[in-house]
Amino acid sequence: MEPESQLKLISMDYVLRPVRVVFLTTPEDPVPTPGGPVRVRKGDEIELPRWQAKLLAESGIVEVRDEPIDLDTVNMFHYREKRRTGANQLTPLPQDFYPKAFELVERLDKLIRERPYHMLLRDREILEKNLIELSETRLAKIIRLAMTEEGGVREKLTPEETVVYDRILATIRSWRDYIKKPFKQG
């Protein structure tokens, strides 16, 4: 399967994965859930697919009980990756780091459209810079680690990075086999 398809599946898994919500109002109709319609009242807490929870939260019906990522979190991981680890060391990221970081971009973009304040624009600029630098720094480390085939790498990778790592590792192994092939025939 192509990496683009794998990355789309990872994104789909994220939006389909259940998240806890608490109801801020009592809906008139039962709430559709994967297990069937459920009657809920204000204060009830249930699990819903993330996409559904997001829609209901935007309508003011529920509050999502999930920790979003903020700019400080992205900056912290950026700093750790760039300054506190060696060239062949990866800082473990939360498994849902990238989708949550992308949600942060969406939230900031929405706020900027509503109120284009200087501070919001600056935060958006810093977020973009640090998120891209973080991913590029990690990519360089992933390439080096794939070349050495060092153990224990996968535990520190996000699902998206695992797709990249596996593809790089397979390419490196194919290249090495190609170069060694003439020497194995003797």
N, C-alpha and C. Protein backbone atom coordinates (compact mmCIF):
# COMPACT_ATOMS: atom_id res chain seq x y z
N MET A 1 0.85 -1.18 0.00
CA MET A 1 0.00 0.00 0.00
C MET A 1 0.90 1.24 0.00
N GLU A 2 0.51 2.22 -0.79
CA GLU A 2 1.29 3.45 -0.90
C GLU A 2 1.24 4.24 0.41
N PRO A 3 2.32 4.97 0.72
CA PRO A 3 2.34 5.75 1.97
C PRO A 3 1.17 6.74 2.08
N GLU A 4 0.78 7.35 0.97
CA GLU A 4 -0.33 8.31 1.02
C GLU A 4 -1.61 7.63 1.49
N SER A 5 -1.85 6.43 1.00
CA SER A 5 -3.04 5.67 1.42
C SER A 5 -2.95 5.28 2.88
N GLN A 6 -1.77 4.87 3.31
CA GLN A 6 -1.59 4.51 4.72
C GLN A 6 -1.82 5.72 5.63
N LEU A 7 -1.32 6.88 5.23
CA LEU A 7 -1.51 8.09 6.03
C LEU A 7 -2.98 8.49 6.08
N LYS A 8 -3.71 8.32 4.98
CA LYS A 8 -5.14 8.61 4.98
C LYS A 8 -5.88 7.67 5.94
N LEU A 9 -5.48 6.40 5.95
CA LEU A 9 -6.11 5.44 6.87
C LEU A 9 -5.85 5.81 8.32
N ILE A 10 -4.64 6.27 8.61
CA ILE A 10 -4.30 6.70 9.97
C ILE A 10 -5.18 7.89 10.36
N SER A 11 -5.36 8.83 9.44
CA SER A 11 -6.22 9.99 9.72
C SER A 11 -7.66 9.56 9.93
N MET A 12 -8.13 8.62 9.11
CA MET A 12 -9.50 8.12 9.27
C MET A 12 -9.66 7.42 10.62
N ASP A 13 -8.66 6.64 11.01
CA ASP A 13 -8.72 5.96 12.29
C ASP A 13 -8.86 6.97 13.43
N TYR A 14 -8.14 8.07 13.32
CA TYR A 14 -8.19 9.10 14.36
C TYR A 14 -9.60 9.69 14.49
N VAL A 15 -10.23 10.04 13.37
CA VAL A 15 -11.55 10.67 13.44
C VAL A 15 -12.65 9.67 13.79
N LEU A 16 -12.41 8.39 13.55
CA LEU A 16 -13.39 7.37 13.89
C LEU A 16 -13.25 6.85 15.32
N ARG A 17 -12.08 7.05 15.91
CA ARG A 17 -11.81 6.55 17.27
C ARG A 17 -12.72 7.25 18.28
N PRO A 18 -13.25 6.49 19.25
CA PRO A 18 -14.17 7.11 20.22
C PRO A 18 -13.44 8.05 21.19
N VAL A 19 -14.19 9.06 21.60
CA VAL A 19 -13.71 10.03 22.59
C VAL A 19 -14.87 10.30 23.55
N ARG A 20 -14.55 10.56 24.80
CA ARG A 20 -15.60 10.82 25.79
C ARG A 20 -16.12 12.24 25.65
N VAL A 21 -17.44 12.37 25.80
CA VAL A 21 -18.08 13.69 25.77
C VAL A 21 -19.05 13.79 26.94
N VAL A 22 -19.26 15.01 27.39
CA VAL A 22 -20.29 15.28 28.40
C VAL A 22 -21.29 16.24 27.77
N PHE A 23 -22.56 15.94 27.96
CA PHE A 23 -23.62 16.73 27.34
C PHE A 23 -23.87 18.00 28.14
N LEU A 24 -23.89 19.12 27.43
CA LEU A 24 -24.13 20.43 28.03
C LEU A 24 -25.61 20.79 27.99
N THR A 25 -26.35 20.09 27.14
CA THR A 25 -27.80 20.29 27.02
C THR A 25 -28.46 18.92 26.93
N THR A 26 -29.78 18.91 27.03
CA THR A 26 -30.52 17.66 26.84
C THR A 26 -31.13 17.69 25.44
N PRO A 27 -30.62 16.87 24.54
CA PRO A 27 -31.17 16.85 23.18
C PRO A 27 -32.61 16.30 23.19
N GLU A 28 -33.43 16.83 22.30
CA GLU A 28 -34.82 16.36 22.21
C GLU A 28 -34.88 14.93 21.69
N ASP A 29 -34.06 14.63 20.69
CA ASP A 29 -34.07 13.32 20.06
C ASP A 29 -32.93 12.46 20.60
N PRO A 30 -33.08 11.13 20.50
CA PRO A 30 -31.96 10.27 20.87
C PRO A 30 -30.73 10.58 20.00
N VAL A 31 -29.57 10.43 20.58
CA VAL A 31 -28.31 10.70 19.88
C VAL A 31 -27.88 9.43 19.14
N PRO A 32 -27.65 9.53 17.83
CA PRO A 32 -27.18 8.34 17.11
C PRO A 32 -25.75 8.00 17.53
N THR A 33 -25.54 6.74 17.85
CA THR A 33 -24.20 6.26 18.21
C THR A 33 -23.93 4.99 17.41
N PRO A 34 -22.68 4.54 17.35
CA PRO A 34 -22.38 3.28 16.64
C PRO A 34 -23.18 2.10 17.19
N GLY A 35 -23.56 2.14 18.47
CA GLY A 35 -24.33 1.06 19.06
C GLY A 35 -25.83 1.24 18.95
N GLY A 36 -26.25 2.31 18.28
CA GLY A 36 -27.67 2.60 18.16
C GLY A 36 -28.00 3.90 18.87
N PRO A 37 -29.23 4.42 18.66
CA PRO A 37 -29.63 5.69 19.28
C PRO A 37 -29.66 5.58 20.81
N VAL A 38 -29.23 6.66 21.47
CA VAL A 38 -29.17 6.69 22.93
C VAL A 38 -29.83 7.98 23.42
N ARG A 39 -30.70 7.85 24.40
CA ARG A 39 -31.29 9.03 25.04
C ARG A 39 -30.32 9.52 26.10
N VAL A 40 -30.02 10.81 26.05
CA VAL A 40 -29.10 11.39 27.02
C VAL A 40 -29.70 12.66 27.59
N ARG A 41 -29.17 13.04 28.76
CA ARG A 41 -29.58 14.28 29.41
C ARG A 41 -28.35 15.10 29.71
N LYS A 42 -28.57 16.35 30.01
CA LYS A 42 -27.49 17.25 30.39
C LYS A 42 -26.69 16.61 31.52
N GLY A 43 -25.35 16.59 31.35
CA GLY A 43 -24.47 16.02 32.37
C GLY A 43 -24.06 14.58 32.09
N ASP A 44 -24.80 13.89 31.20
CA ASP A 44 -24.43 12.52 30.86
C ASP A 44 -23.11 12.50 30.11
N GLU A 45 -22.34 11.45 30.35
CA GLU A 45 -21.05 11.29 29.68
C GLU A 45 -21.06 9.97 28.93
N ILE A 46 -20.76 10.02 27.62
CA ILE A 46 -20.71 8.82 26.79
C ILE A 46 -19.54 8.94 25.82
N GLU A 47 -19.27 7.85 25.10
CA GLU A 47 -18.24 7.87 24.06
C GLU A 47 -18.91 7.96 22.70
N LEU A 48 -18.33 8.82 21.86
CA LEU A 48 -18.80 8.98 20.49
C LEU A 48 -17.58 9.02 19.58
N PRO A 49 -17.77 8.68 18.30
CA PRO A 49 -16.64 8.84 17.37
C PRO A 49 -16.19 10.31 17.38
N ARG A 50 -14.90 10.53 17.24
CA ARG A 50 -14.33 11.88 17.32
C ARG A 50 -15.01 12.85 16.35
N TRP A 51 -15.31 12.41 15.14
CA TRP A 51 -15.93 13.30 14.16
C TRP A 51 -17.28 13.79 14.65
N GLN A 52 -18.05 12.88 15.25
CA GLN A 52 -19.38 13.23 15.75
C GLN A 52 -19.26 14.14 16.97
N ALA A 53 -18.31 13.83 17.84
CA ALA A 53 -18.09 14.65 19.03
C ALA A 53 -17.71 16.08 18.62
N LYS A 54 -16.89 16.19 17.57
CA LYS A 54 -16.47 17.51 17.10
C LYS A 54 -17.66 18.32 16.59
N LEU A 55 -18.53 17.69 15.81
CA LEU A 55 -19.72 18.37 15.30
C LEU A 55 -20.64 18.82 16.42
N LEU A 56 -20.85 17.95 17.40
CA LEU A 56 -21.72 18.29 18.53
C LEU A 56 -21.10 19.38 19.39
N ALA A 57 -19.79 19.36 19.53
CA ALA A 57 -19.09 20.40 20.32
C ALA A 57 -19.20 21.75 19.62
N GLU A 58 -19.06 21.76 18.31
CA GLU A 58 -19.18 23.01 17.55
C GLU A 58 -20.59 23.59 17.66
N SER A 59 -21.57 22.73 17.89
CA SER A 59 -22.96 23.18 18.06
C SER A 59 -23.28 23.54 19.50
N GLY A 60 -22.31 23.34 20.41
CA GLY A 60 -22.53 23.66 21.81
C GLY A 60 -23.32 22.63 22.58
N ILE A 61 -23.45 21.44 22.03
CA ILE A 61 -24.25 20.39 22.66
C ILE A 61 -23.42 19.57 23.65
N VAL A 62 -22.14 19.36 23.33
CA VAL A 62 -21.27 18.56 24.19
C VAL A 62 -19.95 19.29 24.42
N GLU A 63 -19.26 18.81 25.43
CA GLU A 63 -17.87 19.20 25.68
C GLU A 63 -17.04 17.93 25.52
N VAL A 64 -16.01 17.99 24.70
CA VAL A 64 -15.16 16.82 24.45
C VAL A 64 -14.17 16.68 25.61
N ARG A 65 -14.07 15.48 26.14
CA ARG A 65 -13.16 15.19 27.25
C ARG A 65 -11.86 14.59 26.71
N ASP A 66 -11.15 15.41 25.98
CA ASP A 66 -9.90 14.97 25.37
C ASP A 66 -8.94 16.13 25.46
N GLU A 67 -7.71 15.85 25.75
CA GLU A 67 -6.72 16.91 25.87
C GLU A 67 -6.24 17.34 24.49
N PRO A 68 -6.56 18.57 24.09
CA PRO A 68 -6.01 19.05 22.82
C PRO A 68 -4.55 19.43 23.00
N ILE A 69 -3.87 19.58 21.89
CA ILE A 69 -2.49 20.05 21.92
C ILE A 69 -2.53 21.56 21.74
N ASP A 70 -1.71 22.27 22.50
CA ASP A 70 -1.63 23.71 22.34
C ASP A 70 -0.24 24.10 21.83
N LEU A 71 -0.07 25.37 21.59
CA LEU A 71 1.20 25.86 21.05
C LEU A 71 2.36 25.54 21.98
N ASP A 72 2.14 25.65 23.29
CA ASP A 72 3.21 25.35 24.25
C ASP A 72 3.67 23.90 24.14
N THR A 73 2.73 22.99 23.90
CA THR A 73 3.08 21.57 23.75
C THR A 73 3.94 21.35 22.52
N VAL A 74 3.53 21.95 21.40
CA VAL A 74 4.32 21.82 20.17
C VAL A 74 5.70 22.42 20.39
N ASN A 75 5.77 23.59 21.02
CA ASN A 75 7.06 24.23 21.27
C ASN A 75 7.94 23.38 22.17
N MET A 76 7.34 22.73 23.17
CA MET A 76 8.11 21.88 24.08
C MET A 76 8.73 20.69 23.32
N PHE A 77 7.93 20.02 22.50
CA PHE A 77 8.47 18.89 21.74
C PHE A 77 9.50 19.36 20.72
N HIS A 78 9.28 20.51 20.13
CA HIS A 78 10.25 21.10 19.19
C HIS A 78 11.58 21.33 19.90
N TYR A 79 11.52 21.95 21.06
CA TYR A 79 12.74 22.23 21.83
C TYR A 79 13.46 20.94 22.22
N ARG A 80 12.70 19.99 22.74
CA ARG A 80 13.32 18.72 23.16
C ARG A 80 14.01 18.02 22.00
N GLU A 81 13.34 17.99 20.86
CA GLU A 81 13.90 17.27 19.71
C GLU A 81 15.13 17.96 19.16
N LYS A 82 15.13 19.27 19.13
CA LYS A 82 16.24 20.02 18.54
C LYS A 82 17.41 20.18 19.51
N ARG A 83 17.13 20.32 20.79
CA ARG A 83 18.19 20.70 21.73
C ARG A 83 18.59 19.63 22.74
N ARG A 84 17.67 18.79 23.12
CA ARG A 84 17.93 17.90 24.25
C ARG A 84 18.25 16.47 23.86
N THR A 85 18.12 16.12 22.60
CA THR A 85 18.43 14.74 22.21
C THR A 85 19.54 14.75 21.18
N GLY A 86 20.24 13.63 21.11
CA GLY A 86 21.33 13.50 20.16
C GLY A 86 20.82 13.24 18.75
N ALA A 87 21.76 13.18 17.82
CA ALA A 87 21.43 13.02 16.40
C ALA A 87 20.71 11.71 16.11
N ASN A 88 20.92 10.69 16.92
CA ASN A 88 20.28 9.40 16.70
C ASN A 88 19.29 9.05 17.81
N GLN A 89 18.78 10.06 18.49
CA GLN A 89 17.80 9.83 19.55
C GLN A 89 16.51 10.56 19.22
N LEU A 90 15.41 9.89 19.45
CA LEU A 90 14.08 10.49 19.23
C LEU A 90 13.37 10.67 20.56
N THR A 91 12.73 11.80 20.72
CA THR A 91 11.85 12.03 21.85
C THR A 91 10.52 11.36 21.53
N PRO A 92 10.00 10.52 22.40
CA PRO A 92 8.69 9.94 22.11
C PRO A 92 7.62 11.03 22.04
N LEU A 93 6.77 10.94 21.03
CA LEU A 93 5.64 11.85 20.90
C LEU A 93 4.37 11.08 21.22
N PRO A 94 3.31 11.78 21.66
CA PRO A 94 2.03 11.09 21.83
C PRO A 94 1.60 10.49 20.49
N GLN A 95 0.94 9.35 20.51
CA GLN A 95 0.55 8.67 19.28
C GLN A 95 -0.37 9.51 18.40
N ASP A 96 -1.12 10.40 19.01
CA ASP A 96 -2.04 11.24 18.24
C ASP A 96 -1.51 12.67 18.08
N PHE A 97 -0.21 12.84 18.17
CA PHE A 97 0.40 14.17 18.12
C PHE A 97 0.06 14.93 16.84
N TYR A 98 0.30 14.33 15.70
CA TYR A 98 0.10 15.05 14.43
C TYR A 98 -1.37 15.41 14.19
N PRO A 99 -2.33 14.49 14.35
CA PRO A 99 -3.73 14.90 14.15
C PRO A 99 -4.15 16.02 15.10
N LYS A 100 -3.68 15.96 16.34
CA LYS A 100 -4.04 17.01 17.29
C LYS A 100 -3.34 18.33 16.94
N ALA A 101 -2.12 18.25 16.44
CA ALA A 101 -1.44 19.47 16.00
C ALA A 101 -2.16 20.08 14.80
N PHE A 102 -2.65 19.24 13.90
CA PHE A 102 -3.40 19.74 12.75
C PHE A 102 -4.72 20.38 13.20
N GLU A 103 -5.34 19.81 14.25
CA GLU A 103 -6.55 20.42 14.80
C GLU A 103 -6.24 21.80 15.39
N LEU A 104 -5.07 21.93 16.00
CA LEU A 104 -4.64 23.22 16.54
C LEU A 104 -4.51 24.24 15.40
N VAL A 105 -3.95 23.83 14.29
CA VAL A 105 -3.84 24.71 13.12
C VAL A 105 -5.24 25.16 12.69
N GLU A 106 -6.16 24.21 12.61
CA GLU A 106 -7.55 24.54 12.23
C GLU A 106 -8.17 25.54 13.20
N ARG A 107 -7.98 25.31 14.52
CA ARG A 107 -8.56 26.21 15.52
C ARG A 107 -7.98 27.62 15.38
N LEU A 108 -6.66 27.70 15.22
CA LEU A 108 -6.03 29.01 15.06
C LEU A 108 -6.50 29.71 13.79
N ASP A 109 -6.59 28.97 12.69
CA ASP A 109 -7.06 29.56 11.43
C ASP A 109 -8.49 30.09 11.58
N LYS A 110 -9.32 29.35 12.29
CA LYS A 110 -10.70 29.80 12.51
C LYS A 110 -10.73 31.08 13.35
N LEU A 111 -9.93 31.11 14.40
CA LEU A 111 -9.86 32.31 15.24
C LEU A 111 -9.34 33.51 14.44
N ILE A 112 -8.36 33.27 13.59
CA ILE A 112 -7.79 34.35 12.78
C ILE A 112 -8.83 34.89 11.81
N ARG A 113 -9.63 34.00 11.23
CA ARG A 113 -10.69 34.45 10.32
C ARG A 113 -11.71 35.32 11.07
N GLU A 114 -11.99 34.93 12.32
CA GLU A 114 -12.97 35.68 13.11
C GLU A 114 -12.40 36.99 13.64
N ARG A 115 -11.15 36.95 14.13
CA ARG A 115 -10.50 38.12 14.72
C ARG A 115 -9.01 38.08 14.40
N PRO A 116 -8.59 38.70 13.33
CA PRO A 116 -7.19 38.62 12.91
C PRO A 116 -6.25 39.48 13.77
N TYR A 117 -6.15 39.14 15.04
CA TYR A 117 -5.25 39.85 15.95
C TYR A 117 -3.80 39.49 15.67
N HIS A 118 -2.94 40.44 15.95
CA HIS A 118 -1.50 40.25 15.73
C HIS A 118 -0.98 39.02 16.49
N MET A 119 -1.40 38.85 17.73
CA MET A 119 -0.91 37.73 18.55
C MET A 119 -1.32 36.38 17.95
N LEU A 120 -2.52 36.29 17.43
CA LEU A 120 -2.98 35.04 16.80
C LEU A 120 -2.16 34.74 15.55
N LEU A 121 -1.91 35.78 14.76
CA LEU A 121 -1.11 35.61 13.55
C LEU A 121 0.31 35.17 13.90
N ARG A 122 0.86 35.74 14.96
CA ARG A 122 2.21 35.37 15.41
C ARG A 122 2.22 33.92 15.91
N ASP A 123 1.21 33.54 16.68
CA ASP A 123 1.12 32.16 17.17
C ASP A 123 1.03 31.18 16.01
N ARG A 124 0.24 31.53 15.00
CA ARG A 124 0.08 30.66 13.83
C ARG A 124 1.41 30.51 13.10
N GLU A 125 2.14 31.59 12.97
CA GLU A 125 3.45 31.58 12.31
C GLU A 125 4.45 30.71 13.09
N ILE A 126 4.46 30.86 14.40
CA ILE A 126 5.36 30.07 15.26
C ILE A 126 4.98 28.60 15.19
N LEU A 127 3.68 28.31 15.24
CA LEU A 127 3.21 26.93 15.16
C LEU A 127 3.68 26.28 13.86
N GLU A 128 3.47 26.96 12.74
CA GLU A 128 3.88 26.40 11.45
C GLU A 128 5.38 26.16 11.41
N LYS A 129 6.16 27.13 11.82
CA LYS A 129 7.62 27.01 11.81
C LYS A 129 8.08 25.84 12.69
N ASN A 130 7.59 25.79 13.92
CA ASN A 130 8.06 24.77 14.85
C ASN A 130 7.56 23.37 14.51
N LEU A 131 6.35 23.25 13.99
CA LEU A 131 5.82 21.95 13.62
C LEU A 131 6.59 21.39 12.42
N ILE A 132 6.87 22.24 11.44
CA ILE A 132 7.63 21.79 10.28
C ILE A 132 9.06 21.45 10.68
N GLU A 133 9.70 22.30 11.48
CA GLU A 133 11.07 22.00 11.95
C GLU A 133 11.12 20.71 12.75
N LEU A 134 10.13 20.51 13.62
CA LEU A 134 10.07 19.28 14.42
C LEU A 134 9.97 18.07 13.51
N SER A 135 9.08 18.12 12.52
CA SER A 135 8.90 16.96 11.64
C SER A 135 10.16 16.73 10.79
N GLU A 136 10.81 17.79 10.33
CA GLU A 136 12.03 17.65 9.52
C GLU A 136 13.19 17.10 10.37
N THR A 137 13.31 17.57 11.59
CA THR A 137 14.36 17.06 12.49
C THR A 137 14.14 15.58 12.75
N ARG A 138 12.90 15.21 13.01
CA ARG A 138 12.58 13.81 13.27
C ARG A 138 12.81 12.97 12.02
N LEU A 139 12.47 13.50 10.85
CA LEU A 139 12.68 12.77 9.60
C LEU A 139 14.17 12.48 9.40
N ALA A 140 15.02 13.45 9.63
CA ALA A 140 16.47 13.24 9.49
C ALA A 140 16.93 12.15 10.46
N LYS A 141 16.43 12.16 11.67
CA LYS A 141 16.80 11.13 12.66
C LYS A 141 16.25 9.77 12.24
N ILE A 142 15.04 9.73 11.73
CA ILE A 142 14.43 8.47 11.29
C ILE A 142 15.26 7.86 10.16
N ILE A 143 15.72 8.69 9.24
CA ILE A 143 16.57 8.19 8.14
C ILE A 143 17.86 7.59 8.70
N ARG A 144 18.51 8.32 9.62
CA ARG A 144 19.75 7.79 10.22
C ARG A 144 19.50 6.49 10.97
N LEU A 145 18.41 6.44 11.72
CA LEU A 145 18.09 5.24 12.49
C LEU A 145 17.74 4.07 11.57
N ALA A 146 17.09 4.34 10.46
CA ALA A 146 16.78 3.27 9.51
C ALA A 146 18.07 2.73 8.89
N MET A 147 19.03 3.59 8.66
CA MET A 147 20.31 3.14 8.08
C MET A 147 21.06 2.23 9.04
N THR A 148 20.97 2.49 10.33
CA THR A 148 21.67 1.67 11.31
C THR A 148 20.83 0.48 11.76
N GLU A 149 19.52 0.52 11.47
CA GLU A 149 18.57 -0.51 11.90
C GLU A 149 18.67 -0.76 13.41
N GLU A 150 18.82 0.33 14.11
CA GLU A 150 18.90 0.29 15.56
C GLU A 150 17.57 -0.16 16.15
N GLY A 151 17.60 -0.95 17.19
CA GLY A 151 16.38 -1.43 17.82
C GLY A 151 15.72 -0.38 18.70
N GLY A 152 14.48 -0.60 19.04
CA GLY A 152 13.76 0.28 19.95
C GLY A 152 13.27 1.58 19.34
N VAL A 153 13.35 1.69 18.03
CA VAL A 153 12.95 2.93 17.36
C VAL A 153 11.43 3.05 17.31
N ARG A 154 10.76 1.97 16.99
CA ARG A 154 9.31 2.01 16.74
C ARG A 154 8.51 2.53 17.94
N GLU A 155 8.96 2.28 19.14
CA GLU A 155 8.23 2.73 20.33
C GLU A 155 8.18 4.25 20.42
N LYS A 156 9.12 4.93 19.76
CA LYS A 156 9.20 6.38 19.83
C LYS A 156 8.57 7.07 18.63
N LEU A 157 8.02 6.29 17.70
CA LEU A 157 7.43 6.84 16.49
C LEU A 157 5.92 6.94 16.60
N THR A 158 5.37 7.95 15.94
CA THR A 158 3.92 8.03 15.81
C THR A 158 3.51 7.08 14.67
N PRO A 159 2.24 6.77 14.52
CA PRO A 159 1.83 5.91 13.40
C PRO A 159 2.25 6.47 12.04
N GLU A 160 2.16 7.78 11.87
CA GLU A 160 2.55 8.39 10.60
C GLU A 160 4.05 8.21 10.36
N GLU A 161 4.84 8.40 11.39
CA GLU A 161 6.29 8.24 11.26
C GLU A 161 6.66 6.78 11.01
N THR A 162 5.89 5.85 11.54
CA THR A 162 6.15 4.44 11.31
C THR A 162 5.99 4.10 9.83
N VAL A 163 5.01 4.71 9.18
CA VAL A 163 4.84 4.51 7.73
C VAL A 163 6.10 4.96 7.00
N VAL A 164 6.61 6.12 7.35
CA VAL A 164 7.81 6.66 6.72
C VAL A 164 9.02 5.77 7.02
N TYR A 165 9.17 5.39 8.28
CA TYR A 165 10.30 4.55 8.70
C TYR A 165 10.31 3.22 7.93
N ASP A 166 9.14 2.58 7.85
CA ASP A 166 9.06 1.28 7.15
C ASP A 166 9.43 1.42 5.68
N ARG A 167 8.97 2.50 5.04
CA ARG A 167 9.27 2.72 3.63
C ARG A 167 10.77 2.97 3.44
N ILE A 168 11.35 3.80 4.29
CA ILE A 168 12.80 4.09 4.20
C ILE A 168 13.61 2.83 4.45
N LEU A 169 13.23 2.08 5.48
CA LEU A 169 13.94 0.85 5.82
C LEU A 169 13.89 -0.15 4.66
N ALA A 170 12.73 -0.30 4.06
CA ALA A 170 12.59 -1.23 2.92
C ALA A 170 13.45 -0.77 1.75
N THR A 171 13.49 0.52 1.50
CA THR A 171 14.30 1.06 0.40
C THR A 171 15.79 0.84 0.66
N ILE A 172 16.21 1.10 1.88
CA ILE A 172 17.63 0.90 2.24
C ILE A 172 18.00 -0.58 2.11
N ARG A 173 17.15 -1.46 2.59
CA ARG A 173 17.44 -2.90 2.49
C ARG A 173 17.50 -3.35 1.04
N SER A 174 16.59 -2.86 0.20
CA SER A 174 16.62 -3.21 -1.23
C SER A 174 17.91 -2.72 -1.87
N TRP A 175 18.31 -1.52 -1.57
CA TRP A 175 19.54 -0.95 -2.13
C TRP A 175 20.75 -1.79 -1.69
N ARG A 176 20.81 -2.12 -0.43
CA ARG A 176 21.94 -2.91 0.08
C ARG A 176 21.97 -4.30 -0.56
N ASP A 177 20.81 -4.92 -0.72
CA ASP A 177 20.75 -6.23 -1.39
C ASP A 177 21.20 -6.12 -2.85
N TYR A 178 20.81 -5.06 -3.51
CA TYR A 178 21.21 -4.83 -4.91
C TYR A 178 22.73 -4.70 -5.03
N ILE A 179 23.32 -3.95 -4.14
CA ILE A 179 24.78 -3.75 -4.18
C ILE A 179 25.52 -5.03 -3.83
N LYS A 180 25.02 -5.81 -2.93
CA LYS A 180 25.70 -7.04 -2.49
C LYS A 180 25.45 -8.23 -3.40
N LYS A 181 24.45 -8.13 -4.25
CA LYS A 181 24.06 -9.27 -5.10
C LYS A 181 25.23 -9.85 -5.91
N PRO A 182 26.06 -9.05 -6.59
CA PRO A 182 27.16 -9.62 -7.37
C PRO A 182 28.16 -10.41 -6.51
N PHE A 183 28.28 -10.05 -5.28
CA PHE A 183 29.26 -10.70 -4.40
C PHE A 183 28.74 -12.02 -3.83
N LYS A 184 27.44 -12.23 -3.88
CA LYS A 184 26.84 -13.47 -3.36
C LYS A 184 26.88 -14.59 -4.37
N GLN A 185 27.10 -14.28 -5.63
CA GLN A 185 27.07 -15.30 -6.69
C GLN A 185 28.38 -16.05 -6.81
N GLY A 186 29.42 -15.58 -6.20
CA GLY A 186 30.74 -16.17 -6.34
C GLY A 186 30.88 -17.39 -5.55
